[in-house]
Amino acid sequence: MDSKFRTKFSIIRADLEEHLSAINENSSEIQSLFDYLQELDHKIEKFSSRLDQLELDKNYCQHNEIKPLNSFERQIFLTLYTEEVPLSFKELSIRIKVPLDLVQEGISQLSKKGVPIIRSHFNNQMFLQLDQNFKERQAKENLINLSLHSFF
């Protein structure tokens, strides 16, 4: 009788180990799919950024006119204009002392108004800076129509 229990328990144990092995294989497969989806998401984000840049370049070449900026957009513009190195959204938020989501909205509005902002990625973080040619044109032609009141 004892040997029957042992054989039945060993059969049950073998079935459970087989089931556990199948679960582990499925978990590994799910993890690899998750990693793949994260990689795809990152690539889509980069692609979207490049597409935005192409649209900006196209609009900039076609219109070459910048719509007037409000004071908040002007503040973001001046921060980017005076920086030599690209800034992240977080750094920009800290410099102008406003919440991150407002900075993101402000950057979007600047782009819509024709300000050419270059986006670059490093260590899964997006960095922003003004197009160098645009900065030179701004210095020569005052495209944004900055006055002394803009600096105070």
N, C-alpha and C. Protein backbone atom coordinates (compact mmCIF):
# COMPACT_ATOMS: atom_id res chain seq x y z
N MET A 1 0.81 -1.18 0.00
CA MET A 1 0.00 0.00 0.00
C MET A 1 0.86 1.26 0.00
N ASP A 2 1.92 1.23 0.80
CA ASP A 2 2.84 2.35 0.89
C ASP A 2 3.53 2.60 -0.45
N SER A 3 3.86 1.53 -1.15
CA SER A 3 4.53 1.70 -2.44
C SER A 3 3.59 2.27 -3.49
N LYS A 4 2.28 1.98 -3.39
CA LYS A 4 1.31 2.55 -4.32
C LYS A 4 1.22 4.07 -4.14
N PHE A 5 1.23 4.49 -2.86
CA PHE A 5 1.20 5.93 -2.59
C PHE A 5 2.45 6.61 -3.13
N ARG A 6 3.56 5.96 -2.92
CA ARG A 6 4.83 6.54 -3.39
C ARG A 6 4.82 6.70 -4.91
N THR A 7 4.36 5.67 -5.61
CA THR A 7 4.33 5.77 -7.08
C THR A 7 3.33 6.83 -7.53
N LYS A 8 2.17 6.90 -6.88
CA LYS A 8 1.18 7.92 -7.25
C LYS A 8 1.71 9.32 -6.94
N PHE A 9 2.37 9.49 -5.78
CA PHE A 9 2.97 10.77 -5.44
C PHE A 9 4.09 11.14 -6.40
N SER A 10 4.88 10.16 -6.79
CA SER A 10 5.95 10.46 -7.74
C SER A 10 5.38 10.84 -9.11
N ILE A 11 4.26 10.23 -9.49
CA ILE A 11 3.59 10.61 -10.75
C ILE A 11 3.05 12.04 -10.65
N ILE A 12 2.41 12.33 -9.50
CA ILE A 12 1.88 13.68 -9.28
C ILE A 12 3.03 14.70 -9.26
N ARG A 13 4.11 14.33 -8.60
CA ARG A 13 5.28 15.22 -8.53
C ARG A 13 5.84 15.48 -9.92
N ALA A 14 5.96 14.44 -10.74
CA ALA A 14 6.46 14.59 -12.10
C ALA A 14 5.54 15.50 -12.91
N ASP A 15 4.22 15.32 -12.75
CA ASP A 15 3.26 16.18 -13.45
C ASP A 15 3.40 17.63 -13.01
N LEU A 16 3.55 17.84 -11.70
CA LEU A 16 3.71 19.21 -11.18
C LEU A 16 5.01 19.85 -11.68
N GLU A 17 6.09 19.08 -11.71
CA GLU A 17 7.36 19.61 -12.21
C GLU A 17 7.26 19.96 -13.69
N GLU A 18 6.54 19.12 -14.44
CA GLU A 18 6.34 19.40 -15.86
C GLU A 18 5.51 20.68 -16.03
N HIS A 19 4.49 20.83 -15.19
CA HIS A 19 3.65 22.02 -15.23
C HIS A 19 4.46 23.26 -14.85
N LEU A 20 5.29 23.15 -13.82
CA LEU A 20 6.15 24.25 -13.40
C LEU A 20 7.12 24.63 -14.50
N SER A 21 7.68 23.65 -15.16
CA SER A 21 8.59 23.91 -16.27
C SER A 21 7.88 24.67 -17.39
N ALA A 22 6.65 24.27 -17.71
CA ALA A 22 5.87 24.96 -18.75
C ALA A 22 5.59 26.41 -18.34
N ILE A 23 5.27 26.61 -17.06
CA ILE A 23 5.02 27.97 -16.56
C ILE A 23 6.29 28.82 -16.70
N ASN A 24 7.44 28.27 -16.32
CA ASN A 24 8.70 29.00 -16.43
C ASN A 24 9.02 29.35 -17.88
N GLU A 25 8.77 28.43 -18.80
CA GLU A 25 9.00 28.71 -20.21
C GLU A 25 8.09 29.83 -20.68
N ASN A 26 6.82 29.78 -20.28
CA ASN A 26 5.88 30.84 -20.66
C ASN A 26 6.28 32.19 -20.06
N SER A 27 6.75 32.17 -18.82
CA SER A 27 7.20 33.41 -18.18
C SER A 27 8.38 34.00 -18.93
N SER A 28 9.31 33.17 -19.34
CA SER A 28 10.46 33.65 -20.11
C SER A 28 10.01 34.23 -21.44
N GLU A 29 9.06 33.57 -22.08
CA GLU A 29 8.55 34.06 -23.36
C GLU A 29 7.83 35.40 -23.18
N ILE A 30 7.04 35.50 -22.12
CA ILE A 30 6.34 36.76 -21.85
C ILE A 30 7.34 37.88 -21.58
N GLN A 31 8.39 37.60 -20.82
CA GLN A 31 9.41 38.60 -20.52
C GLN A 31 10.13 39.05 -21.78
N SER A 32 10.46 38.11 -22.65
CA SER A 32 11.15 38.49 -23.89
C SER A 32 10.23 39.31 -24.79
N LEU A 33 8.93 38.99 -24.81
CA LEU A 33 7.98 39.79 -25.59
C LEU A 33 7.84 41.19 -25.00
N PHE A 34 7.83 41.29 -23.68
CA PHE A 34 7.77 42.59 -23.02
C PHE A 34 8.99 43.43 -23.37
N ASP A 35 10.18 42.82 -23.32
CA ASP A 35 11.40 43.53 -23.68
C ASP A 35 11.35 44.00 -25.13
N TYR A 36 10.84 43.15 -26.00
CA TYR A 36 10.73 43.50 -27.41
C TYR A 36 9.77 44.68 -27.60
N LEU A 37 8.64 44.67 -26.87
CA LEU A 37 7.68 45.77 -26.97
C LEU A 37 8.27 47.08 -26.46
N GLN A 38 9.07 47.02 -25.41
CA GLN A 38 9.74 48.22 -24.92
C GLN A 38 10.71 48.77 -25.96
N GLU A 39 11.43 47.89 -26.60
CA GLU A 39 12.36 48.30 -27.65
C GLU A 39 11.59 48.94 -28.81
N LEU A 40 10.48 48.33 -29.20
CA LEU A 40 9.65 48.90 -30.26
C LEU A 40 9.11 50.27 -29.87
N ASP A 41 8.68 50.41 -28.64
CA ASP A 41 8.16 51.68 -28.15
C ASP A 41 9.23 52.77 -28.24
N HIS A 42 10.44 52.43 -27.86
CA HIS A 42 11.56 53.37 -27.94
C HIS A 42 11.82 53.78 -29.39
N LYS A 43 11.79 52.80 -30.30
CA LYS A 43 12.02 53.09 -31.72
C LYS A 43 10.90 53.95 -32.29
N ILE A 44 9.67 53.69 -31.87
CA ILE A 44 8.54 54.50 -32.34
C ILE A 44 8.69 55.94 -31.85
N GLU A 45 9.13 56.11 -30.61
CA GLU A 45 9.35 57.44 -30.06
C GLU A 45 10.42 58.19 -30.86
N LYS A 46 11.51 57.51 -31.19
CA LYS A 46 12.56 58.13 -32.01
C LYS A 46 12.02 58.50 -33.39
N PHE A 47 11.27 57.57 -33.98
CA PHE A 47 10.71 57.81 -35.31
C PHE A 47 9.77 59.01 -35.28
N SER A 48 8.95 59.09 -34.24
CA SER A 48 8.02 60.21 -34.09
C SER A 48 8.78 61.53 -33.98
N SER A 49 9.86 61.52 -33.23
CA SER A 49 10.68 62.71 -33.08
C SER A 49 11.28 63.13 -34.42
N ARG A 50 11.76 62.16 -35.17
CA ARG A 50 12.34 62.47 -36.48
C ARG A 50 11.28 62.98 -37.45
N LEU A 51 10.09 62.40 -37.38
CA LEU A 51 9.00 62.85 -38.23
C LEU A 51 8.61 64.28 -37.88
N ASP A 52 8.54 64.59 -36.58
CA ASP A 52 8.26 65.96 -36.16
C ASP A 52 9.31 66.92 -36.70
N GLN A 53 10.57 66.49 -36.65
CA GLN A 53 11.65 67.33 -37.14
C GLN A 53 11.51 67.57 -38.65
N LEU A 54 11.16 66.53 -39.39
CA LEU A 54 10.96 66.68 -40.83
C LEU A 54 9.81 67.64 -41.13
N GLU A 55 8.73 67.51 -40.38
CA GLU A 55 7.60 68.43 -40.56
C GLU A 55 8.01 69.85 -40.24
N LEU A 56 8.78 70.03 -39.18
CA LEU A 56 9.26 71.36 -38.83
C LEU A 56 10.12 71.94 -39.95
N ASP A 57 11.04 71.13 -40.43
CA ASP A 57 11.90 71.60 -41.51
C ASP A 57 11.08 71.98 -42.73
N LYS A 58 10.09 71.16 -43.05
CA LYS A 58 9.23 71.43 -44.20
C LYS A 58 8.46 72.73 -43.99
N ASN A 59 7.84 72.85 -42.81
CA ASN A 59 7.08 74.07 -42.51
C ASN A 59 7.98 75.29 -42.45
N TYR A 60 9.17 75.13 -41.90
CA TYR A 60 10.11 76.24 -41.79
C TYR A 60 10.53 76.73 -43.16
N CYS A 61 10.80 75.78 -44.06
CA CYS A 61 11.21 76.16 -45.41
C CYS A 61 10.05 76.79 -46.17
N GLN A 62 8.84 76.30 -45.96
CA GLN A 62 7.69 76.82 -46.69
C GLN A 62 7.26 78.19 -46.17
N HIS A 63 7.11 78.30 -44.89
CA HIS A 63 6.55 79.52 -44.32
C HIS A 63 7.61 80.56 -43.98
N ASN A 64 8.65 80.11 -43.33
CA ASN A 64 9.75 80.99 -42.94
C ASN A 64 9.26 82.16 -42.09
N GLU A 65 8.06 82.04 -41.56
CA GLU A 65 7.49 83.09 -40.74
C GLU A 65 7.14 82.50 -39.37
N ILE A 66 7.50 83.20 -38.34
CA ILE A 66 7.23 82.74 -36.98
C ILE A 66 6.03 83.51 -36.44
N LYS A 67 5.06 82.78 -35.93
CA LYS A 67 3.89 83.43 -35.33
C LYS A 67 4.29 84.02 -33.99
N PRO A 68 3.63 85.09 -33.56
CA PRO A 68 3.98 85.73 -32.29
C PRO A 68 3.88 84.77 -31.10
N LEU A 69 4.79 84.93 -30.17
CA LEU A 69 4.84 84.06 -28.99
C LEU A 69 4.23 84.78 -27.79
N ASN A 70 3.57 84.01 -26.93
CA ASN A 70 3.10 84.60 -25.67
C ASN A 70 4.27 84.65 -24.70
N SER A 71 4.06 85.21 -23.52
CA SER A 71 5.18 85.41 -22.59
C SER A 71 5.78 84.09 -22.11
N PHE A 72 4.95 83.07 -21.90
CA PHE A 72 5.47 81.77 -21.46
C PHE A 72 6.32 81.13 -22.56
N GLU A 73 5.82 81.15 -23.79
CA GLU A 73 6.57 80.59 -24.92
C GLU A 73 7.87 81.36 -25.12
N ARG A 74 7.81 82.68 -24.93
CA ARG A 74 9.01 83.51 -25.06
C ARG A 74 10.04 83.14 -23.99
N GLN A 75 9.57 82.82 -22.79
CA GLN A 75 10.46 82.42 -21.70
C GLN A 75 11.18 81.11 -22.06
N ILE A 76 10.44 80.15 -22.59
CA ILE A 76 11.06 78.89 -23.03
C ILE A 76 12.04 79.16 -24.15
N PHE A 77 11.61 79.99 -25.12
CA PHE A 77 12.47 80.31 -26.26
C PHE A 77 13.78 80.94 -25.79
N LEU A 78 13.70 81.92 -24.90
CA LEU A 78 14.91 82.59 -24.43
C LEU A 78 15.85 81.64 -23.70
N THR A 79 15.28 80.71 -22.95
CA THR A 79 16.11 79.73 -22.25
C THR A 79 16.86 78.86 -23.26
N LEU A 80 16.15 78.38 -24.28
CA LEU A 80 16.80 77.57 -25.31
C LEU A 80 17.78 78.41 -26.13
N TYR A 81 17.41 79.65 -26.40
CA TYR A 81 18.23 80.54 -27.23
C TYR A 81 19.57 80.85 -26.57
N THR A 82 19.56 81.01 -25.26
CA THR A 82 20.79 81.38 -24.56
C THR A 82 21.65 80.17 -24.18
N GLU A 83 21.15 78.97 -24.38
CA GLU A 83 21.91 77.76 -24.05
C GLU A 83 22.72 77.28 -25.26
N GLU A 84 23.91 76.86 -25.01
CA GLU A 84 24.76 76.30 -26.06
C GLU A 84 24.61 74.79 -26.18
N VAL A 85 24.19 74.16 -25.09
CA VAL A 85 24.05 72.70 -25.08
C VAL A 85 22.56 72.34 -25.03
N PRO A 86 22.21 71.17 -25.56
CA PRO A 86 20.80 70.74 -25.50
C PRO A 86 20.35 70.53 -24.05
N LEU A 87 19.08 70.81 -23.81
CA LEU A 87 18.50 70.64 -22.48
C LEU A 87 17.40 69.59 -22.52
N SER A 88 17.26 68.84 -21.44
CA SER A 88 16.15 67.90 -21.33
C SER A 88 14.91 68.68 -20.88
N PHE A 89 13.75 68.05 -21.00
CA PHE A 89 12.53 68.69 -20.52
C PHE A 89 12.65 69.03 -19.04
N LYS A 90 13.25 68.11 -18.28
CA LYS A 90 13.38 68.32 -16.84
C LYS A 90 14.29 69.52 -16.54
N GLU A 91 15.43 69.60 -17.24
CA GLU A 91 16.34 70.73 -17.03
C GLU A 91 15.66 72.05 -17.39
N LEU A 92 14.92 72.03 -18.48
CA LEU A 92 14.20 73.22 -18.92
C LEU A 92 13.15 73.62 -17.87
N SER A 93 12.46 72.63 -17.33
CA SER A 93 11.46 72.86 -16.29
C SER A 93 12.09 73.51 -15.06
N ILE A 94 13.25 73.03 -14.67
CA ILE A 94 13.95 73.57 -13.50
C ILE A 94 14.41 75.00 -13.77
N ARG A 95 14.96 75.25 -14.96
CA ARG A 95 15.49 76.58 -15.28
C ARG A 95 14.41 77.66 -15.29
N ILE A 96 13.25 77.32 -15.83
CA ILE A 96 12.21 78.35 -15.90
C ILE A 96 11.18 78.23 -14.76
N LYS A 97 11.41 77.25 -13.88
CA LYS A 97 10.61 77.09 -12.66
C LYS A 97 9.12 76.90 -12.93
N VAL A 98 8.82 75.97 -13.84
CA VAL A 98 7.42 75.59 -14.11
C VAL A 98 7.33 74.08 -14.18
N PRO A 99 6.13 73.52 -14.00
CA PRO A 99 5.97 72.06 -14.06
C PRO A 99 6.35 71.48 -15.42
N LEU A 100 6.77 70.24 -15.40
CA LEU A 100 7.25 69.54 -16.59
C LEU A 100 6.21 69.49 -17.69
N ASP A 101 4.95 69.22 -17.34
CA ASP A 101 3.92 69.11 -18.38
C ASP A 101 3.67 70.44 -19.08
N LEU A 102 3.84 71.55 -18.37
CA LEU A 102 3.70 72.86 -19.01
C LEU A 102 4.84 73.12 -19.99
N VAL A 103 6.03 72.67 -19.63
CA VAL A 103 7.18 72.83 -20.53
C VAL A 103 6.93 72.03 -21.80
N GLN A 104 6.45 70.81 -21.66
CA GLN A 104 6.18 69.97 -22.83
C GLN A 104 5.14 70.63 -23.73
N GLU A 105 4.10 71.18 -23.13
CA GLU A 105 3.07 71.87 -23.92
C GLU A 105 3.65 73.12 -24.59
N GLY A 106 4.49 73.84 -23.86
CA GLY A 106 5.11 75.04 -24.43
C GLY A 106 6.00 74.71 -25.61
N ILE A 107 6.76 73.63 -25.52
CA ILE A 107 7.62 73.21 -26.64
C ILE A 107 6.75 72.86 -27.84
N SER A 108 5.66 72.19 -27.59
CA SER A 108 4.74 71.83 -28.67
C SER A 108 4.19 73.09 -29.35
N GLN A 109 3.83 74.08 -28.56
CA GLN A 109 3.30 75.33 -29.11
C GLN A 109 4.37 76.09 -29.90
N LEU A 110 5.60 76.09 -29.39
CA LEU A 110 6.69 76.74 -30.13
C LEU A 110 6.87 76.09 -31.50
N SER A 111 6.83 74.77 -31.53
CA SER A 111 6.97 74.05 -32.80
C SER A 111 5.84 74.40 -33.75
N LYS A 112 4.61 74.45 -33.22
CA LYS A 112 3.46 74.78 -34.06
C LYS A 112 3.56 76.20 -34.62
N LYS A 113 4.20 77.08 -33.87
CA LYS A 113 4.32 78.46 -34.31
C LYS A 113 5.51 78.67 -35.24
N GLY A 114 6.23 77.60 -35.54
CA GLY A 114 7.29 77.68 -36.53
C GLY A 114 8.70 77.79 -36.00
N VAL A 115 8.89 77.69 -34.70
CA VAL A 115 10.24 77.75 -34.12
C VAL A 115 10.90 76.38 -34.31
N PRO A 116 12.02 76.33 -35.03
CA PRO A 116 12.66 75.04 -35.30
C PRO A 116 13.44 74.52 -34.09
N ILE A 117 12.87 73.54 -33.42
CA ILE A 117 13.50 72.93 -32.24
C ILE A 117 14.04 71.57 -32.64
N ILE A 118 15.30 71.35 -32.37
CA ILE A 118 15.94 70.08 -32.70
C ILE A 118 15.85 69.17 -31.48
N ARG A 119 15.34 67.97 -31.72
CA ARG A 119 15.21 66.97 -30.65
C ARG A 119 16.26 65.89 -30.87
N SER A 120 16.92 65.51 -29.80
CA SER A 120 17.89 64.43 -29.88
C SER A 120 17.70 63.50 -28.69
N HIS A 121 18.12 62.26 -28.85
CA HIS A 121 17.95 61.25 -27.80
C HIS A 121 19.32 60.80 -27.30
N PHE A 122 19.42 60.65 -25.99
CA PHE A 122 20.62 60.10 -25.37
C PHE A 122 20.20 59.43 -24.07
N ASN A 123 20.61 58.17 -23.89
CA ASN A 123 20.25 57.41 -22.68
C ASN A 123 18.74 57.44 -22.40
N ASN A 124 17.97 57.16 -23.43
CA ASN A 124 16.51 57.12 -23.33
C ASN A 124 15.90 58.42 -22.81
N GLN A 125 16.55 59.54 -23.09
CA GLN A 125 16.05 60.83 -22.67
C GLN A 125 16.11 61.78 -23.86
N MET A 126 15.07 62.61 -24.01
CA MET A 126 15.03 63.54 -25.13
C MET A 126 15.64 64.87 -24.71
N PHE A 127 16.46 65.45 -25.60
CA PHE A 127 17.07 66.74 -25.37
C PHE A 127 16.64 67.70 -26.47
N LEU A 128 16.54 68.97 -26.11
CA LEU A 128 16.03 69.99 -27.02
C LEU A 128 17.03 71.12 -27.17
N GLN A 129 17.07 71.67 -28.38
CA GLN A 129 17.85 72.87 -28.61
C GLN A 129 17.32 73.55 -29.87
N LEU A 130 17.60 74.83 -29.99
CA LEU A 130 17.19 75.55 -31.19
C LEU A 130 18.14 75.23 -32.33
N ASP A 131 17.59 75.23 -33.53
CA ASP A 131 18.40 75.03 -34.72
C ASP A 131 19.44 76.16 -34.80
N GLN A 132 20.70 75.80 -35.04
CA GLN A 132 21.79 76.78 -35.03
C GLN A 132 21.60 77.86 -36.10
N ASN A 133 21.15 77.47 -37.29
CA ASN A 133 20.91 78.46 -38.35
C ASN A 133 19.82 79.44 -37.93
N PHE A 134 18.80 78.91 -37.26
CA PHE A 134 17.73 79.78 -36.79
C PHE A 134 18.25 80.75 -35.73
N LYS A 135 19.11 80.27 -34.83
CA LYS A 135 19.68 81.16 -33.81
C LYS A 135 20.45 82.30 -34.47
N GLU A 136 21.19 81.98 -35.52
CA GLU A 136 21.94 83.02 -36.23
C GLU A 136 20.99 84.01 -36.90
N ARG A 137 19.94 83.49 -37.53
CA ARG A 137 18.96 84.38 -38.17
C ARG A 137 18.25 85.23 -37.13
N GLN A 138 17.96 84.65 -35.97
CA GLN A 138 17.30 85.41 -34.90
C GLN A 138 18.20 86.56 -34.45
N ALA A 139 19.49 86.29 -34.32
CA ALA A 139 20.42 87.33 -33.90
C ALA A 139 20.48 88.46 -34.93
N LYS A 140 20.42 88.12 -36.21
CA LYS A 140 20.53 89.13 -37.28
C LYS A 140 19.20 89.82 -37.58
N GLU A 141 18.11 89.04 -37.62
CA GLU A 141 16.84 89.57 -38.13
C GLU A 141 15.76 89.74 -37.06
N ASN A 142 16.01 89.31 -35.84
CA ASN A 142 15.03 89.40 -34.75
C ASN A 142 13.67 88.83 -35.17
N LEU A 143 13.68 87.59 -35.62
CA LEU A 143 12.47 86.92 -36.12
C LEU A 143 11.38 86.82 -35.05
N ILE A 144 11.78 86.60 -33.82
CA ILE A 144 10.82 86.44 -32.72
C ILE A 144 10.37 87.79 -32.18
N ASN A 145 11.03 88.85 -32.61
CA ASN A 145 10.70 90.21 -32.17
C ASN A 145 10.87 90.34 -30.66
N LEU A 146 12.07 90.04 -30.20
CA LEU A 146 12.39 90.16 -28.78
C LEU A 146 12.68 91.62 -28.46
N SER A 147 12.18 92.07 -27.33
CA SER A 147 12.46 93.42 -26.87
C SER A 147 13.14 93.32 -25.51
N LEU A 148 13.55 94.44 -24.98
CA LEU A 148 14.18 94.43 -23.65
C LEU A 148 13.21 93.93 -22.59
N HIS A 149 11.92 94.11 -22.80
CA HIS A 149 10.92 93.63 -21.83
C HIS A 149 10.93 92.11 -21.74
N SER A 150 11.40 91.44 -22.78
CA SER A 150 11.44 89.97 -22.78
C SER A 150 12.43 89.43 -21.77
N PHE A 151 13.42 90.20 -21.44
CA PHE A 151 14.49 89.72 -20.57
C PHE A 151 14.20 89.96 -19.10
N PHE A 152 13.14 90.67 -18.79
CA PHE A 152 12.85 90.99 -17.39
C PHE A 152 11.54 90.42 -16.95
